[in-house]
PDB file of N, CA and C in Angstrom:
ATOM      1  N   MET A   1     -10.432  -0.982   7.065  1.00  0.00           N
ATOM      2  CA  MET A   1      -8.903  -0.176   6.936  1.00  0.00           C
ATOM      3  C   MET A   1      -9.521   1.156   5.910  1.00  0.00           C
ATOM      4  N   LYS A   2      -9.269   2.241   5.662  1.00  0.00           N
ATOM      5  CA  LYS A   2      -8.579   3.037   4.822  1.00  0.00           C
ATOM      6  C   LYS A   2      -8.041   3.030   4.016  1.00  0.00           C
ATOM      7  N   GLU A   3      -8.466   3.098   2.638  1.00  0.00           N
ATOM      8  CA  GLU A   3      -7.264   3.182   1.342  1.00  0.00           C
ATOM      9  C   GLU A   3      -6.536   4.086   1.503  1.00  0.00           C
ATOM     10  N   LYS A   4      -4.969   3.959   1.222  1.00  0.00           N
ATOM     11  CA  LYS A   4      -4.611   5.378   1.113  1.00  0.00           C
ATOM     12  C   LYS A   4      -4.811   6.314  -0.449  1.00  0.00           C
ATOM     13  N   GLN A   5      -4.694   7.174  -0.217  1.00  0.00           N
ATOM     14  CA  GLN A   5      -5.089   7.934  -1.594  1.00  0.00           C
ATOM     15  C   GLN A   5      -3.942   7.718  -2.591  1.00  0.00           C
ATOM     16  N   ILE A   6      -3.605   7.606  -3.431  1.00  0.00           N
ATOM     17  CA  ILE A   6      -2.449   8.000  -4.349  1.00  0.00           C
ATOM     18  C   ILE A   6      -2.943   9.208  -5.454  1.00  0.00           C
ATOM     19  N   ARG A   7      -1.931   9.957  -5.802  1.00  0.00           N
ATOM     20  CA  ARG A   7      -1.949  11.293  -6.591  1.00  0.00           C
ATOM     21  C   ARG A   7      -1.031  10.795  -7.723  1.00  0.00           C
ATOM     22  N   ILE A   8      -0.713  11.680  -8.835  1.00  0.00           N
ATOM     23  CA  ILE A   8      -0.056  11.936  -9.508  1.00  0.00           C
ATOM     24  C   ILE A   8       0.764  13.342  -9.782  1.00  0.00           C
ATOM     25  N   PRO A   9       1.954  13.683  -9.841  1.00  0.00           N
ATOM     26  CA  PRO A   9       2.345  15.317 -10.066  1.00  0.00           C
ATOM     27  C   PRO A   9       1.857  15.571 -11.362  1.00  0.00           C
ATOM     28  N   GLY A  10       1.598  17.061 -11.197  1.00  0.00           N
ATOM     29  CA  GLY A  10       1.489  17.110 -12.521  1.00  0.00           C
ATOM     30  C   GLY A  10       1.495  18.927 -12.579  1.00  0.00           C
ATOM     31  N   PRO A  11       0.398  19.898 -13.106  1.00  0.00           N
ATOM     32  CA  PRO A  11       0.955  21.395 -13.400  1.00  0.00           C
ATOM     33  C   PRO A  11       0.532  21.418 -12.187  1.00  0.00           C
ATOM     34  N   ASP A  12      -0.853  20.753 -11.613  1.00  0.00           N
ATOM     35  CA  ASP A  12      -1.487  21.464 -10.112  1.00  0.00           C
ATOM     36  C   ASP A  12      -0.534  21.397  -8.768  1.00  0.00           C
ATOM     37  N   HIS A  13       0.714  20.222  -9.555  1.00  0.00           N
ATOM     38  CA  HIS A  13       1.424  19.860  -7.426  1.00  0.00           C
ATOM     39  C   HIS A  13       2.480  18.966  -8.182  1.00  0.00           C
ATOM     40  N   PRO A  14       3.543  20.499  -9.426  1.00  0.00           N
ATOM     41  CA  PRO A  14       4.877  19.423  -9.825  1.00  0.00           C
ATOM     42  C   PRO A  14       6.010  18.963  -8.702  1.00  0.00           C
ATOM     43  N   ILE A  15       6.332  17.764  -9.435  1.00  0.00           N
ATOM     44  CA  ILE A  15       7.750  16.874  -8.592  1.00  0.00           C
ATOM     45  C   ILE A  15       8.180  17.104  -9.823  1.00  0.00           C
ATOM     46  N   SER A  16      10.157  17.352  -9.334  1.00  0.00           N
ATOM     47  CA  SER A  16      11.071  17.130  -9.790  1.00  0.00           C
ATOM     48  C   SER A  16      11.823  16.377  -9.746  1.00  0.00           C
ATOM     49  N   ILE A  17      12.555  15.549 -10.109  1.00  0.00           N
ATOM     50  CA  ILE A  17      14.095  15.619  -8.656  1.00  0.00           C
ATOM     51  C   ILE A  17      14.639  15.513  -9.870  1.00  0.00           C
ATOM     52  N   GLU A  18      16.297  16.005  -9.292  1.00  0.00           N
ATOM     53  CA  GLU A  18      18.159  16.065 -10.309  1.00  0.00           C
ATOM     54  C   GLU A  18      18.788  15.804  -9.510  1.00  0.00           C
ATOM     55  N   ARG A  19      19.901  15.300  -9.808  1.00  0.00           N
ATOM     56  CA  ARG A  19      20.637  14.691  -9.200  1.00  0.00           C
ATOM     57  C   ARG A  19      21.276  16.340  -9.174  1.00  0.00           C
ATOM     58  N   ASN A  20      21.880  15.937  -7.937  1.00  0.00           N
ATOM     59  CA  ASN A  20      22.970  17.014  -7.062  1.00  0.00           C
ATOM     60  C   ASN A  20      23.908  17.394  -7.441  1.00  0.00           C
ATOM     61  N   PRO A  21      24.676  17.693  -8.058  1.00  0.00           N
ATOM     62  CA  PRO A  21      26.140  18.186  -8.298  1.00  0.00           C
ATOM     63  C   PRO A  21      27.315  17.977  -7.559  1.00  0.00           C
ATOM     64  N   ALA A  22      26.490  18.901  -6.203  1.00  0.00           N
ATOM     65  CA  ALA A  22      27.434  18.866  -5.311  1.00  0.00           C
ATOM     66  C   ALA A  22      28.117  17.931  -3.958  1.00  0.00           C
ATOM     67  N   ARG A  23      28.817  18.402  -3.377  1.00  0.00           N
ATOM     68  CA  ARG A  23      29.143  17.199  -2.385  1.00  0.00           C
ATOM     69  C   ARG A  23      28.598  18.007  -1.202  1.00  0.00           C
ATOM     70  N   VAL A  24      27.081  16.630  -0.870  1.00  0.00           N
ATOM     71  CA  VAL A  24      25.974  17.225   0.650  1.00  0.00           C
ATOM     72  C   VAL A  24      26.868  16.516   1.747  1.00  0.00           C
ATOM     73  N   VAL A  25      27.550  17.546   2.804  1.00  0.00           N
ATOM     74  CA  VAL A  25      28.077  16.757   4.116  1.00  0.00           C
ATOM     75  C   VAL A  25      26.637  17.239   5.661  1.00  0.00           C
ATOM     76  N   VAL A  26      26.475  16.087   6.209  1.00  0.00           N
ATOM     77  CA  VAL A  26      25.223  16.466   7.285  1.00  0.00           C
ATOM     78  C   VAL A  26      26.548  15.990   8.664  1.00  0.00           C
ATOM     79  N   SER A  27      26.223  17.137   9.407  1.00  0.00           N
ATOM     80  CA  SER A  27      26.770  16.936  10.516  1.00  0.00           C
ATOM     81  C   SER A  27      26.193  17.556  11.518  1.00  0.00           C
ATOM     82  N   VAL A  28      25.820  16.453  13.078  1.00  0.00           N
ATOM     83  CA  VAL A  28      25.200  16.985  14.315  1.00  0.00           C
ATOM     84  C   VAL A  28      26.072  17.274  15.053  1.00  0.00           C
ATOM     85  N   ALA A  29      26.225  18.420  15.847  1.00  0.00           N
ATOM     86  CA  ALA A  29      27.132  17.747  17.296  1.00  0.00           C
ATOM     87  C   ALA A  29      28.432  17.747  16.851  1.00  0.00           C
ATOM     88  N   GLY A  30      29.330  18.577  16.064  1.00  0.00           N
ATOM     89  CA  GLY A  30      30.441  17.771  15.390  1.00  0.00           C
ATOM     90  C   GLY A  30      30.373  16.444  15.003  1.00  0.00           C
ATOM     91  N   HIS A  31      29.563  15.907  14.922  1.00  0.00           N
ATOM     92  CA  HIS A  31      29.766  14.456  14.080  1.00  0.00           C
ATOM     93  C   HIS A  31      28.816  14.514  12.757  1.00  0.00           C
ATOM     94  N   VAL A  32      30.218  13.783  11.448  1.00  0.00           N
ATOM     95  CA  VAL A  32      29.492  14.015  10.003  1.00  0.00           C
ATOM     96  C   VAL A  32      28.615  12.777  10.396  1.00  0.00           C
ATOM     97  N   VAL A  33      27.124  12.683   9.582  1.00  0.00           N
ATOM     98  CA  VAL A  33      26.277  11.835   9.432  1.00  0.00           C
ATOM     99  C   VAL A  33      26.411  11.014   8.276  1.00  0.00           C
ATOM    100  N   ALA A  34      26.455  12.003   7.808  1.00  0.00           N
ATOM    101  CA  ALA A  34      26.453  11.501   6.023  1.00  0.00           C
ATOM    102  C   ALA A  34      27.263  12.241   5.028  1.00  0.00           C
ATOM    103  N   ASP A  35      27.889  11.706   4.586  1.00  0.00           N
ATOM    104  CA  ASP A  35      28.175  13.058   2.646  1.00  0.00           C
ATOM    105  C   ASP A  35      28.403  11.948   1.765  1.00  0.00           C
ATOM    106  N   THR A  36      28.391  13.139   1.312  1.00  0.00           N
ATOM    107  CA  THR A  36      27.857  12.157  -0.625  1.00  0.00           C
ATOM    108  C   THR A  36      28.202  12.786  -1.293  1.00  0.00           C
ATOM    109  N   ARG A  37      27.916  12.672  -2.477  1.00  0.00           N
ATOM    110  CA  ARG A  37      28.708  13.072  -4.100  1.00  0.00           C
ATOM    111  C   ARG A  37      27.186  12.974  -4.290  1.00  0.00           C
ATOM    112  N   ASN A  38      26.355  11.935  -3.635  1.00  0.00           N
ATOM    113  CA  ASN A  38      25.265  11.510  -4.844  1.00  0.00           C
ATOM    114  C   ASN A  38      24.043  12.060  -4.605  1.00  0.00           C
ATOM    115  N   ALA A  39      23.612  12.939  -3.511  1.00  0.00           N
ATOM    116  CA  ALA A  39      22.223  13.115  -3.752  1.00  0.00           C
ATOM    117  C   ALA A  39      21.555  13.618  -4.642  1.00  0.00           C
ATOM    118  N   LEU A  40      20.355  13.293  -4.267  1.00  0.00           N
ATOM    119  CA  LEU A  40      18.766  13.705  -5.304  1.00  0.00           C
ATOM    120  C   LEU A  40      18.912  15.313  -4.816  1.00  0.00           C
ATOM    121  N   THR A  41      18.230  16.225  -5.611  1.00  0.00           N
ATOM    122  CA  THR A  41      17.510  16.956  -5.110  1.00  0.00           C
ATOM    123  C   THR A  41      16.019  17.137  -5.173  1.00  0.00           C
ATOM    124  N   LEU A  42      14.546  17.560  -4.241  1.00  0.00           N
ATOM    125  CA  LEU A  42      13.947  16.833  -4.834  1.00  0.00           C
ATOM    126  C   LEU A  42      12.855  18.590  -4.549  1.00  0.00           C
ATOM    127  N   ARG A  43      11.828  19.226  -5.664  1.00  0.00           N
ATOM    128  CA  ARG A  43      11.353  20.012  -5.497  1.00  0.00           C
ATOM    129  C   ARG A  43       9.671  19.583  -5.853  1.00  0.00           C
ATOM    130  N   GLU A  44       9.169  19.894  -4.896  1.00  0.00           N
ATOM    131  CA  GLU A  44       7.715  19.799  -4.921  1.00  0.00           C
ATOM    132  C   GLU A  44       6.926  20.953  -4.561  1.00  0.00           C
ATOM    133  N   ALA A  45       5.563  21.579  -6.234  1.00  0.00           N
ATOM    134  CA  ALA A  45       5.299  22.504  -5.532  1.00  0.00           C
ATOM    135  C   ALA A  45       5.841  23.745  -5.010  1.00  0.00           C
ATOM    136  N   ASP A  46       5.320  24.571  -4.544  1.00  0.00           N
ATOM    137  CA  ASP A  46       6.226  25.597  -3.757  1.00  0.00           C
ATOM    138  C   ASP A  46       7.132  25.699  -2.618  1.00  0.00           C
ATOM    139  N   TYR A  47       7.351  24.641  -2.355  1.00  0.00           N
ATOM    140  CA  TYR A  47       7.795  23.382  -0.852  1.00  0.00           C
ATOM    141  C   TYR A  47       9.611  23.813  -0.971  1.00  0.00           C
ATOM    142  N   SER A  48      10.594  24.093   0.043  1.00  0.00           N
ATOM    143  CA  SER A  48      11.623  24.286  -0.326  1.00  0.00           C
ATOM    144  C   SER A  48      11.935  22.561  -0.788  1.00  0.00           C
ATOM    145  N   PRO A  49      13.389  22.824  -1.747  1.00  0.00           N
ATOM    146  CA  PRO A  49      14.368  21.943  -1.651  1.00  0.00           C
ATOM    147  C   PRO A  49      14.470  20.866  -0.984  1.00  0.00           C
ATOM    148  N   VAL A  50      14.511  19.200  -0.913  1.00  0.00           N
ATOM    149  CA  VAL A  50      14.909  18.250  -0.032  1.00  0.00           C
ATOM    150  C   VAL A  50      15.713  17.612  -0.688  1.00  0.00           C
ATOM    151  N   GLN A  51      16.832  17.561  -0.041  1.00  0.00           N
ATOM    152  CA  GLN A  51      18.291  16.474  -0.169  1.00  0.00           C
ATOM    153  C   GLN A  51      17.361  15.132   0.350  1.00  0.00           C
ATOM    154  N   TYR A  52      17.697  14.208  -0.585  1.00  0.00           N
ATOM    155  CA  TYR A  52      17.805  12.643  -0.206  1.00  0.00           C
ATOM    156  C   TYR A  52      19.074  11.786  -0.459  1.00  0.00           C
ATOM    157  N   ILE A  53      19.731  11.567   0.197  1.00  0.00           N
ATOM    158  CA  ILE A  53      20.707  10.626   0.101  1.00  0.00           C
ATOM    159  C   ILE A  53      20.393   9.746   0.811  1.00  0.00           C
ATOM    160  N   PRO A  54      21.597   8.647  -0.319  1.00  0.00           N
ATOM    161  CA  PRO A  54      21.428   7.661  -0.514  1.00  0.00           C
ATOM    162  C   PRO A  54      21.621   6.731   0.687  1.00  0.00           C
ATOM    163  N   ARG A  55      21.156   5.703   1.161  1.00  0.00           N
ATOM    164  CA  ARG A  55      21.254   4.905   3.127  1.00  0.00           C
ATOM    165  C   ARG A  55      23.482   4.679   2.450  1.00  0.00           C
ATOM    166  N   GLU A  56      23.219   4.248   1.720  1.00  0.00           N
ATOM    167  CA  GLU A  56      25.392   3.674   1.821  1.00  0.00           C
ATOM    168  C   GLU A  56      26.011   4.888   1.569  1.00  0.00           C
ATOM    169  N   ASP A  57      25.601   6.333   1.813  1.00  0.00           N
ATOM    170  CA  ASP A  57      26.518   7.380   2.401  1.00  0.00           C
ATOM    171  C   ASP A  57      26.015   7.920   3.481  1.00  0.00           C
ATOM    172  N   VAL A  58      25.321   7.159   4.725  1.00  0.00           N
ATOM    173  CA  VAL A  58      24.761   7.698   5.663  1.00  0.00           C
ATOM    174  C   VAL A  58      25.496   6.508   6.806  1.00  0.00           C
ATOM    175  N   ASP A  59      26.167   6.979   7.903  1.00  0.00           N
ATOM    176  CA  ASP A  59      26.323   6.828   9.228  1.00  0.00           C
ATOM    177  C   ASP A  59      24.966   6.316   9.495  1.00  0.00           C
ATOM    178  N   LEU A  60      24.565   5.271  10.252  1.00  0.00           N
ATOM    179  CA  LEU A  60      22.951   4.762  10.450  1.00  0.00           C
ATOM    180  C   LEU A  60      23.649   4.397  11.619  1.00  0.00           C
ATOM    181  N   SER A  61      24.452   4.375  12.749  1.00  0.00           N
ATOM    182  CA  SER A  61      25.151   3.677  13.610  1.00  0.00           C
ATOM    183  C   SER A  61      24.637   5.222  14.242  1.00  0.00           C
ATOM    184  N   GLN A  62      25.071   5.882  14.208  1.00  0.00           N
ATOM    185  CA  GLN A  62      24.700   7.294  14.809  1.00  0.00           C
ATOM    186  C   GLN A  62      23.238   7.588  14.616  1.00  0.00           C
ATOM    187  N   LEU A  63      22.164   6.915  14.364  1.00  0.00           N
ATOM    188  CA  LEU A  63      20.684   6.419  14.385  1.00  0.00           C
ATOM    189  C   LEU A  63      19.781   6.459  14.956  1.00  0.00           C
ATOM    190  N   GLU A  64      18.538   6.692  15.785  1.00  0.00           N
ATOM    191  CA  GLU A  64      17.867   5.737  15.589  1.00  0.00           C
ATOM    192  C   GLU A  64      16.440   5.923  14.784  1.00  0.00           C
ATOM    193  N   ARG A  65      16.356   4.983  14.318  1.00  0.00           N
ATOM    194  CA  ARG A  65      14.420   5.237  14.071  1.00  0.00           C
ATOM    195  C   ARG A  65      13.124   5.506  15.511  1.00  0.00           C
ATOM    196  N   THR A  66      12.766   6.637  14.385  1.00  0.00           N
ATOM    197  CA  THR A  66      11.809   7.032  15.650  1.00  0.00           C
ATOM    198  C   THR A  66      10.059   5.674  15.016  1.00  0.00           C
ATOM    199  N   ASP A  67       9.517   6.091  15.658  1.00  0.00           N
ATOM    200  CA  ASP A  67       8.289   5.766  15.999  1.00  0.00           C
ATOM    201  C   ASP A  67       7.399   6.085  14.929  1.00  0.00           C
ATOM    202  N   HIS A  68       7.699   7.054  14.836  1.00  0.00           N
ATOM    203  CA  HIS A  68       7.025   8.448  13.698  1.00  0.00           C
ATOM    204  C   HIS A  68       7.176   8.417  12.383  1.00  0.00           C
ATOM    205  N   ALA A  69       5.909   8.497  11.723  1.00  0.00           N
ATOM    206  CA  ALA A  69       5.561   7.634   9.749  1.00  0.00           C
ATOM    207  C   ALA A  69       5.003   8.655   9.416  1.00  0.00           C
ATOM    208  N   THR A  70       4.734   9.489   7.932  1.00  0.00           N
ATOM    209  CA  THR A  70       4.125  10.032   7.991  1.00  0.00           C
ATOM    210  C   THR A  70       3.435   9.194   6.319  1.00  0.00           C
ATOM    211  N   TYR A  71       2.761   9.648   5.716  1.00  0.00           N
ATOM    212  CA  TYR A  71       2.438   9.102   4.531  1.00  0.00           C
ATOM    213  C   TYR A  71       2.136  10.708   3.208  1.00  0.00           C
ATOM    214  N   CYS A  72       2.330  10.487   2.350  1.00  0.00           N
ATOM    215  CA  CYS A  72       2.115  11.342   1.401  1.00  0.00           C
ATOM    216  C   CYS A  72       1.477  11.052  -0.042  1.00  0.00           C
ATOM    217  N   PRO A  73       0.568  11.101  -0.547  1.00  0.00           N
ATOM    218  CA  PRO A  73      -0.279  10.386  -1.819  1.00  0.00           C
ATOM    219  C   PRO A  73       0.465  10.809  -2.470  1.00  0.00           C
ATOM    220  N   TYR A  74       1.355  11.654  -2.929  1.00  0.00           N
ATOM    221  CA  TYR A  74       2.576  11.377  -3.942  1.00  0.00           C
ATOM    222  C   TYR A  74       3.618  10.896  -4.392  1.00  0.00           C
ATOM    223  N   LYS A  75       4.462  10.668  -2.648  1.00  0.00           N
ATOM    224  CA  LYS A  75       5.783   9.953  -2.587  1.00  0.00           C
ATOM    225  C   LYS A  75       5.799   9.098  -1.875  1.00  0.00           C
ATOM    226  N   GLY A  76       4.569   8.234  -1.504  1.00  0.00           N
ATOM    227  CA  GLY A  76       4.345   7.386  -0.258  1.00  0.00           C
ATOM    228  C   GLY A  76       4.930   7.608   1.211  1.00  0.00           C
ATOM    229  N   GLY A  77       4.853   6.290   1.748  1.00  0.00           N
ATOM    230  CA  GLY A  77       5.632   6.435   2.987  1.00  0.00           C
ATOM    231  C   GLY A  77       6.725   6.981   3.424  1.00  0.00           C
ATOM    232  N   CYS A  78       7.106   7.181   4.545  1.00  0.00           N
ATOM    233  CA  CYS A  78       8.506   7.564   5.334  1.00  0.00           C
ATOM    234  C   CYS A  78       8.812   7.257   6.733  1.00  0.00           C
ATOM    235  N   SER A  79       9.519   7.399   6.913  1.00  0.00           N
ATOM    236  CA  SER A  79       9.778   6.696   8.400  1.00  0.00           C
ATOM    237  C   SER A  79      10.714   8.002   9.122  1.00  0.00           C
ATOM    238  N   TYR A  80      10.629   8.208  10.181  1.00  0.00           N
ATOM    239  CA  TYR A  80      11.337   9.480  10.494  1.00  0.00           C
ATOM    240  C   TYR A  80      12.860   8.430  11.244  1.00  0.00           C
ATOM    241  N   TYR A  81      13.846   9.574  11.864  1.00  0.00           N
ATOM    242  CA  TYR A  81      15.289   9.019  12.531  1.00  0.00           C
ATOM    243  C   TYR A  81      15.600  10.076  13.652  1.00  0.00           C
ATOM    244  N   SER A  82      15.918   9.942  14.452  1.00  0.00           N
ATOM    245  CA  SER A  82      16.530  10.753  15.061  1.00  0.00           C
ATOM    246  C   SER A  82      17.839  10.638  15.329  1.00  0.00           C
ATOM    247  N   VAL A  83      18.765  11.501  15.834  1.00  0.00           N
ATOM    248  CA  VAL A  83      20.494  11.156  15.999  1.00  0.00           C
ATOM    249  C   VAL A  83      19.997  11.789  17.430  1.00  0.00           C
ATOM    250  N   PRO A  84      20.904  10.631  17.992  1.00  0.00           N
ATOM    251  CA  PRO A  84      20.498  11.047  19.560  1.00  0.00           C
ATOM    252  C   PRO A  84      22.135  11.841  20.086  1.00  0.00           C
ATOM    253  N   ALA A  85      23.028  11.870  19.670  1.00  0.00           N
ATOM    254  CA  ALA A  85      24.200  12.629  19.311  1.00  0.00           C
ATOM    255  C   ALA A  85      23.917  14.208  19.165  1.00  0.00           C
ATOM    256  N   GLY A  86      22.685  14.884  18.647  1.00  0.00           N
ATOM    257  CA  GLY A  86      22.229  16.147  18.528  1.00  0.00           C
ATOM    258  C   GLY A  86      21.159  16.685  19.496  1.00  0.00           C
TER     259      GLY A  86
END
């Protein structure tokens, strides 16, 4: 099995994480899936900012985990969920 590469952010690939002071509400098809004042904004290189929401602020009963998974050498493994209502 091939070992997964691990990289450290730096000047060539910067990553920053900041607390988002705003309320973040995620809704799909009229259903609130997440509502938080504790989101973190991740900025990575020249990609668009991404909001990370704590699990305790997500209604996980509205999500279904998929078989899809990815790996980033900077951030690690990622699992994906779908929203059946949407």
